[in-house]
Amino acid sequence: MNNYGALGTFRLAAITAGLGMVFLAHQAVYAQSQQPVKLVVGYTAGGPVDSSARVFATAFAKELGMQVIVENRPGAAGSIGGAAVAQSPPNGLTLFFAASPTLTITPYVIKKMAFDPVKDIAPIAPILSYANVLVINNDQPFKTVAELISYAKAHPGKVTYGSAGMGASNHLSGELFAQRAGIELSHVPYKGNAPAMTDVIGGQITMMFDIIGSARNYIGTGRVNAVAVTSSNRNSSLPDVPSMREMGIADYDVQGWYALFGPASMPAELVARYGEATRRALAKEEVKSKFLEQGYEPWTGLPETVSDRLKKELALWGTVTKGMKFE
């Protein structure tokens, strides 16, 4: 065989090998595309975070063109789920349906977070925003925020409020209210919102802050009295209930939110693709109506929208919790 023939054979073998490698690479990408996306929720199945995540997952999967499954990783106020996402490969197959208290409050409540909410995960898109509503027992001698404040000033520590537990968002909603109004309230922690609401209705405690979607049925049936929502404006689910700001608590705007996150090193093109799929999913009328019925407000924007809000609320709750002991 002449040199030209040997060289040609060598080149043919190299090209064949190269094509084989390209084929295998494409096969790997194809195989990955057939894997489902895991949407990690840091709370147990059946709760408000999980329920919202499942509605979102269905709509998100349609826009993404991939299967999306919800995976519950409860514990440590949602931080176990966040840590699982932070430690996962940045291939877009493991995402975090994050509830804001996990990222903005939990760092001050537990001694050592399993991940850094600013450095270890990256925002992809905002999803929903929600407010709490302050509800009081029907037999109380006060019916408005102004009357409540006046009563609390005359009876320091006598007004009790329940929450889902120490460091829960509705615990700190009450603490912020007390600080802004200049009153003393007595906090009573429960293992969840439901038992706290039961005791508000029964008169064992005076009041509580609860998610609008959960409290609306109790308000509608007259079992509790709704006196104010915690957002800066009125909520469309409770249009007759004023905001705290309307009631004279000027520097009070407490809203929780859900947002989509991925590992910190997730490629920009995946962040953009998933962000666009999220925005399209939330724009669907059937999706919007489901969330509005539950008291949520669709929240849209870019990753920076989430990042800015995260940092702002970390600063707020750091101030509110200064000097408080949780463990």
Protein backbone atom coordinates (compact mmCIF):
# COMPACT_ATOMS: atom_id res chain seq x y z
CA MET A 1 0.00 0.00 0.00
CA ASN A 2 1.41 3.42 -0.92
CA ASN A 3 1.67 6.29 1.52
CA TYR A 4 -1.44 7.94 0.09
CA GLY A 5 -3.47 4.76 0.64
CA ALA A 6 -2.21 4.39 4.19
CA LEU A 7 -2.99 8.03 4.94
CA GLY A 8 -6.46 7.69 3.44
CA THR A 9 -7.16 4.62 5.55
CA PHE A 10 -5.97 6.47 8.64
CA ARG A 11 -8.16 9.47 7.86
CA LEU A 12 -11.18 7.26 7.21
CA ALA A 13 -10.66 5.49 10.54
CA ALA A 14 -10.33 8.87 12.35
CA ILE A 15 -13.48 10.22 10.72
CA THR A 16 -15.38 7.04 11.56
CA ALA A 17 -14.23 7.23 15.17
CA GLY A 18 -15.16 10.92 15.34
CA LEU A 19 -18.61 10.27 13.95
CA GLY A 20 -19.03 7.51 16.48
CA MET A 21 -18.17 9.89 19.32
CA VAL A 22 -20.62 12.51 17.97
CA PHE A 23 -23.30 9.82 17.71
CA LEU A 24 -22.69 8.73 21.31
CA ALA A 25 -22.79 12.34 22.52
CA HIS A 26 -26.11 12.89 20.78
CA GLN A 27 -27.40 9.66 22.26
CA ALA A 28 -26.42 10.88 25.74
CA VAL A 29 -28.20 14.21 25.21
CA TYR A 30 -31.25 12.39 23.87
CA ALA A 31 -31.27 10.01 26.82
CA GLN A 32 -31.04 12.94 29.24
CA SER A 33 -33.92 14.69 27.49
CA GLN A 34 -36.06 11.63 28.15
CA GLN A 35 -35.45 11.82 31.90
CA PRO A 36 -38.07 13.59 34.01
CA VAL A 37 -37.36 16.89 35.70
CA LYS A 38 -37.59 16.58 39.49
CA LEU A 39 -39.34 19.52 41.12
CA VAL A 40 -38.23 19.37 44.74
CA VAL A 41 -40.60 20.64 47.45
CA GLY A 42 -39.22 21.11 50.94
CA TYR A 43 -42.51 20.29 52.66
CA THR A 44 -44.81 17.28 53.04
CA ALA A 45 -47.41 16.26 50.47
CA GLY A 46 -50.85 17.80 50.79
CA GLY A 47 -49.81 21.15 52.24
CA PRO A 48 -50.16 24.52 50.49
CA VAL A 49 -46.61 24.52 49.07
CA ASP A 50 -46.96 21.00 47.71
CA SER A 51 -50.43 21.66 46.26
CA SER A 52 -49.22 24.77 44.46
CA ALA A 53 -46.14 22.95 43.17
CA ARG A 54 -48.30 20.22 41.63
CA VAL A 55 -50.50 22.71 39.78
CA PHE A 56 -47.37 24.45 38.52
CA ALA A 57 -45.61 21.19 37.58
CA THR A 58 -48.44 20.15 35.26
CA ALA A 59 -48.45 23.48 33.42
CA PHE A 60 -44.64 23.73 33.40
CA ALA A 61 -44.27 20.24 31.90
CA LYS A 62 -46.55 21.14 28.97
CA GLU A 63 -44.52 24.25 28.16
CA LEU A 64 -41.18 22.52 28.65
CA GLY A 65 -42.09 19.43 26.65
CA MET A 66 -40.69 17.18 29.38
CA GLN A 67 -42.13 15.13 32.21
CA VAL A 68 -42.00 16.97 35.54
CA ILE A 69 -42.47 15.07 38.80
CA VAL A 70 -42.83 16.57 42.27
CA GLU A 71 -40.47 15.12 44.86
CA ASN A 72 -41.15 15.93 48.53
CA ARG A 73 -38.04 16.36 50.67
CA PRO A 74 -39.47 17.74 53.94
CA GLY A 75 -37.57 18.79 57.03
CA ALA A 76 -35.71 21.69 58.66
CA ALA A 77 -38.28 24.25 57.48
CA GLY A 78 -37.75 23.36 53.84
CA SER A 79 -33.96 23.56 53.91
CA ILE A 80 -33.41 19.82 53.36
CA GLY A 81 -35.06 20.13 49.95
CA GLY A 82 -33.03 23.23 49.15
CA ALA A 83 -29.78 21.49 50.07
CA ALA A 84 -30.66 18.54 47.82
CA VAL A 85 -31.01 20.88 44.85
CA ALA A 86 -27.86 22.84 45.73
CA GLN A 87 -25.86 19.60 45.72
CA SER A 88 -27.35 18.18 42.50
CA PRO A 89 -25.73 18.29 39.03
CA PRO A 90 -26.52 21.55 37.18
CA ASN A 91 -28.10 19.71 34.24
CA GLY A 92 -31.61 21.09 34.70
CA LEU A 93 -33.06 17.80 35.91
CA THR A 94 -33.37 18.85 39.57
CA LEU A 95 -35.14 22.10 40.39
CA PHE A 96 -36.41 23.70 43.59
CA PHE A 97 -39.97 24.95 44.06
CA ALA A 98 -38.91 27.26 46.86
CA ALA A 99 -41.17 28.86 49.45
CA SER A 100 -39.77 32.20 50.57
CA PRO A 101 -39.68 31.46 54.34
CA THR A 102 -37.11 28.72 53.68
CA LEU A 103 -34.80 31.25 52.05
CA THR A 104 -35.50 34.44 54.01
CA ILE A 105 -36.46 33.32 57.53
CA THR A 106 -35.01 29.85 58.14
CA PRO A 107 -31.38 31.12 58.03
CA TYR A 108 -32.15 33.01 61.26
CA VAL A 109 -34.16 30.24 62.88
CA ILE A 110 -31.90 27.19 62.69
CA LYS A 111 -28.30 27.24 63.86
CA LYS A 112 -26.73 26.08 60.63
CA MET A 113 -28.40 26.04 57.24
CA ALA A 114 -27.50 23.09 55.02
CA PHE A 115 -27.06 25.50 52.10
CA ASP A 116 -26.64 29.21 51.43
CA PRO A 117 -29.81 30.55 49.74
CA VAL A 118 -27.85 33.32 48.01
CA LYS A 119 -24.72 31.45 46.90
CA ASP A 120 -25.66 27.76 46.51
CA ILE A 121 -28.83 28.02 44.40
CA ALA A 122 -29.72 30.31 41.52
CA PRO A 123 -33.11 31.87 40.79
CA ILE A 124 -34.76 30.93 37.51
CA ALA A 125 -38.14 32.65 37.68
CA PRO A 126 -40.74 33.98 40.11
CA ILE A 127 -43.99 32.00 40.30
CA LEU A 128 -46.50 33.20 42.91
CA SER A 129 -46.94 35.80 45.61
CA TYR A 130 -49.30 35.53 48.58
CA ALA A 131 -50.36 37.46 51.65
CA ASN A 132 -51.47 36.50 55.12
CA VAL A 133 -54.63 37.77 56.73
CA LEU A 134 -55.01 38.67 60.40
CA VAL A 135 -58.05 36.90 61.84
CA ILE A 136 -59.39 37.26 65.38
CA ASN A 137 -61.79 35.30 67.55
CA ASN A 138 -65.36 36.54 67.14
CA ASP A 139 -65.90 37.11 70.87
CA GLN A 140 -63.11 39.64 71.31
CA PRO A 141 -64.00 43.18 72.46
CA PHE A 142 -62.17 44.65 69.46
CA LYS A 143 -63.15 44.37 65.80
CA THR A 144 -60.56 46.49 63.97
CA VAL A 145 -56.79 46.89 63.93
CA ALA A 146 -57.05 50.23 65.72
CA GLU A 147 -59.20 48.72 68.48
CA LEU A 148 -56.82 45.77 68.75
CA ILE A 149 -53.82 48.05 69.20
CA SER A 150 -55.64 50.13 71.79
CA TYR A 151 -56.64 47.01 73.72
CA ALA A 152 -53.14 45.52 73.56
CA LYS A 153 -51.61 48.75 74.90
CA ALA A 154 -54.05 48.72 77.80
CA HIS A 155 -53.46 44.99 78.45
CA PRO A 156 -49.76 44.24 77.69
CA GLY A 157 -49.16 40.56 76.86
CA LYS A 158 -52.82 39.60 77.19
CA VAL A 159 -53.43 39.33 73.45
CA THR A 160 -52.27 35.91 72.24
CA TYR A 161 -51.58 34.84 68.68
CA GLY A 162 -50.91 31.43 67.21
CA SER A 163 -48.59 30.28 64.46
CA ALA A 164 -47.39 27.16 62.67
CA GLY A 165 -44.35 27.09 64.97
CA MET A 166 -41.37 29.07 66.20
CA GLY A 167 -39.86 30.97 63.32
CA ALA A 168 -42.77 30.29 60.96
CA SER A 169 -43.72 33.13 58.64
CA ASN A 170 -46.94 33.80 60.53
CA HIS A 171 -45.00 33.89 63.82
CA LEU A 172 -42.75 36.61 62.45
CA SER A 173 -45.68 38.39 60.79
CA GLY A 174 -47.04 38.80 64.32
CA GLU A 175 -43.67 39.86 65.71
CA LEU A 176 -43.29 42.51 63.00
CA PHE A 177 -46.82 43.75 63.67
CA ALA A 178 -46.05 44.07 67.39
CA GLN A 179 -42.84 45.96 66.65
CA ARG A 180 -44.46 48.33 64.15
CA ALA A 181 -47.53 48.97 66.34
CA GLY A 182 -45.54 49.32 69.56
CA ILE A 183 -47.47 46.66 71.44
CA GLU A 184 -46.72 43.47 73.37
CA LEU A 185 -48.25 40.22 72.12
CA SER A 186 -47.89 36.67 73.47
CA HIS A 187 -46.91 34.09 70.87
CA VAL A 188 -48.32 30.53 71.08
CA PRO A 189 -46.60 28.10 68.65
CA TYR A 190 -48.48 25.12 67.21
CA LYS A 191 -47.52 22.22 64.96
CA GLY A 192 -49.12 23.70 61.87
CA ASN A 193 -51.67 26.35 60.97
CA ALA A 194 -54.78 24.16 61.27
CA PRO A 195 -54.62 23.54 65.05
CA ALA A 196 -53.87 27.22 65.63
CA MET A 197 -56.95 28.21 63.62
CA THR A 198 -59.05 25.72 65.60
CA ASP A 199 -58.04 27.46 68.81
CA VAL A 200 -58.74 30.91 67.39
CA ILE A 201 -62.26 29.77 66.56
CA GLY A 202 -62.64 28.19 70.00
CA GLY A 203 -61.29 31.22 71.85
CA GLN A 204 -58.25 29.49 73.38
CA ILE A 205 -56.10 32.15 71.67
CA THR A 206 -57.00 35.61 70.45
CA MET A 207 -55.86 35.64 66.86
CA MET A 208 -53.43 34.48 64.18
CA PHE A 209 -51.98 35.39 60.80
CA ASP A 210 -52.88 32.75 58.21
CA ILE A 211 -52.42 32.33 54.46
CA ILE A 212 -55.44 33.81 52.70
CA GLY A 213 -56.12 30.63 50.75
CA SER A 214 -56.35 28.62 53.98
CA ALA A 215 -58.28 31.20 56.01
CA ARG A 216 -60.81 32.28 53.42
CA ASN A 217 -63.29 29.48 54.14
CA TYR A 218 -63.30 30.26 57.87
CA ILE A 219 -63.81 33.94 57.09
CA GLY A 220 -66.59 33.27 54.58
CA THR A 221 -68.53 31.13 57.03
CA GLY A 222 -68.20 33.70 59.81
CA ARG A 223 -66.14 31.56 62.17
CA VAL A 224 -63.44 34.23 62.49
CA ASN A 225 -63.26 37.95 61.89
CA ALA A 226 -60.77 39.16 59.24
CA VAL A 227 -59.37 42.57 60.14
CA ALA A 228 -56.45 43.14 57.74
CA VAL A 229 -54.29 41.59 55.03
CA THR A 230 -50.52 41.83 55.33
CA SER A 231 -49.79 42.99 51.77
CA SER A 232 -49.41 46.66 50.92
CA ASN A 233 -52.63 46.54 48.86
CA ARG A 234 -55.90 44.69 49.25
CA ASN A 235 -56.07 41.12 47.99
CA SER A 236 -58.48 40.23 45.19
CA SER A 237 -59.67 37.18 47.16
CA LEU A 238 -60.73 39.36 50.10
CA PRO A 239 -61.58 42.71 48.50
CA ASP A 240 -63.49 43.99 51.54
CA VAL A 241 -60.61 43.44 53.97
CA PRO A 242 -58.26 46.44 54.30
CA SER A 243 -54.48 46.24 54.27
CA MET A 244 -52.32 46.92 57.32
CA ARG A 245 -51.15 50.11 55.68
CA GLU A 246 -54.75 51.29 55.32
CA MET A 247 -55.17 50.59 59.01
CA GLY A 248 -52.31 52.90 59.93
CA ILE A 249 -49.34 50.49 60.06
CA ALA A 250 -47.41 52.40 57.41
CA ASP A 251 -44.22 50.35 57.27
CA TYR A 252 -45.85 46.93 57.01
CA ASP A 253 -45.81 44.84 53.84
CA VAL A 254 -45.45 41.10 54.37
CA GLN A 255 -45.94 38.77 51.43
CA GLY A 256 -44.69 35.27 50.92
CA TRP A 257 -43.76 33.89 47.53
CA TYR A 258 -42.81 30.83 45.54
CA ALA A 259 -40.03 30.83 42.97
CA LEU A 260 -38.15 28.35 40.79
CA PHE A 261 -34.46 27.76 41.55
CA GLY A 262 -31.71 25.49 40.26
CA PRO A 263 -28.14 24.69 41.34
CA ALA A 264 -25.88 27.75 41.39
CA SER A 265 -23.82 26.65 38.38
CA MET A 266 -26.77 25.88 36.10
CA PRO A 267 -25.98 27.05 32.51
CA ALA A 268 -27.48 30.38 31.46
CA GLU A 269 -29.21 28.83 28.44
CA LEU A 270 -31.09 26.39 30.68
CA VAL A 271 -32.06 29.19 33.08
CA ALA A 272 -33.43 31.18 30.14
CA ARG A 273 -35.30 28.18 28.71
CA TYR A 274 -36.90 27.23 32.02
CA GLY A 275 -37.69 30.84 32.85
CA GLU A 276 -39.54 31.30 29.57
CA ALA A 277 -41.47 28.03 30.11
CA THR A 278 -42.47 29.28 33.57
CA ARG A 279 -43.75 32.59 32.21
CA ARG A 280 -45.77 30.82 29.50
CA ALA A 281 -47.25 28.39 32.04
CA LEU A 282 -48.37 31.19 34.38
CA ALA A 283 -49.91 33.11 31.47
CA LYS A 284 -52.45 30.33 30.82
CA GLU A 285 -55.91 31.43 31.95
CA GLU A 286 -56.77 28.07 33.50
CA VAL A 287 -53.56 28.15 35.55
CA LYS A 288 -54.06 31.74 36.68
CA SER A 289 -57.66 31.05 37.71
CA LYS A 290 -56.64 28.03 39.81
CA PHE A 291 -54.09 30.07 41.72
CA LEU A 292 -56.37 33.09 42.14
CA GLU A 293 -59.05 30.80 43.59
CA GLN A 294 -56.51 29.73 46.22
CA GLY A 295 -55.66 33.32 47.16
CA TYR A 296 -52.38 33.50 45.23
CA GLU A 297 -51.28 36.22 42.83
CA PRO A 298 -49.21 35.15 39.77
CA TRP A 299 -45.78 36.77 40.03
CA THR A 300 -43.73 37.20 36.87
CA GLY A 301 -40.29 38.55 36.11
CA LEU A 302 -36.66 37.65 35.57
CA PRO A 303 -34.14 35.87 37.84
CA GLU A 304 -33.04 39.30 39.09
CA THR A 305 -36.61 39.95 40.24
CA VAL A 306 -36.33 37.01 42.62
CA SER A 307 -32.77 37.77 43.68
CA ASP A 308 -33.57 41.37 44.61
CA ARG A 309 -36.61 40.36 46.66
CA LEU A 310 -34.68 37.58 48.38
CA LYS A 311 -31.93 39.94 49.53
CA LYS A 312 -34.39 42.63 50.64
CA GLU A 313 -36.38 40.18 52.77
CA LEU A 314 -33.28 38.58 54.24
CA ALA A 315 -32.38 42.03 55.53
CA LEU A 316 -35.91 42.62 56.88
CA TRP A 317 -36.18 39.37 58.81
CA GLY A 318 -32.61 39.70 60.06
CA THR A 319 -33.68 42.94 61.73
CA VAL A 320 -36.97 41.52 63.07
CA THR A 321 -35.36 38.41 64.56
CA LYS A 322 -32.38 40.18 66.12
CA GLY A 323 -32.14 39.05 69.74
CA MET A 324 -34.84 36.37 69.37
CA LYS A 325 -34.12 32.77 70.42
CA PHE A 326 -35.55 29.85 68.48
CA GLU A 327 -33.68 26.82 69.82
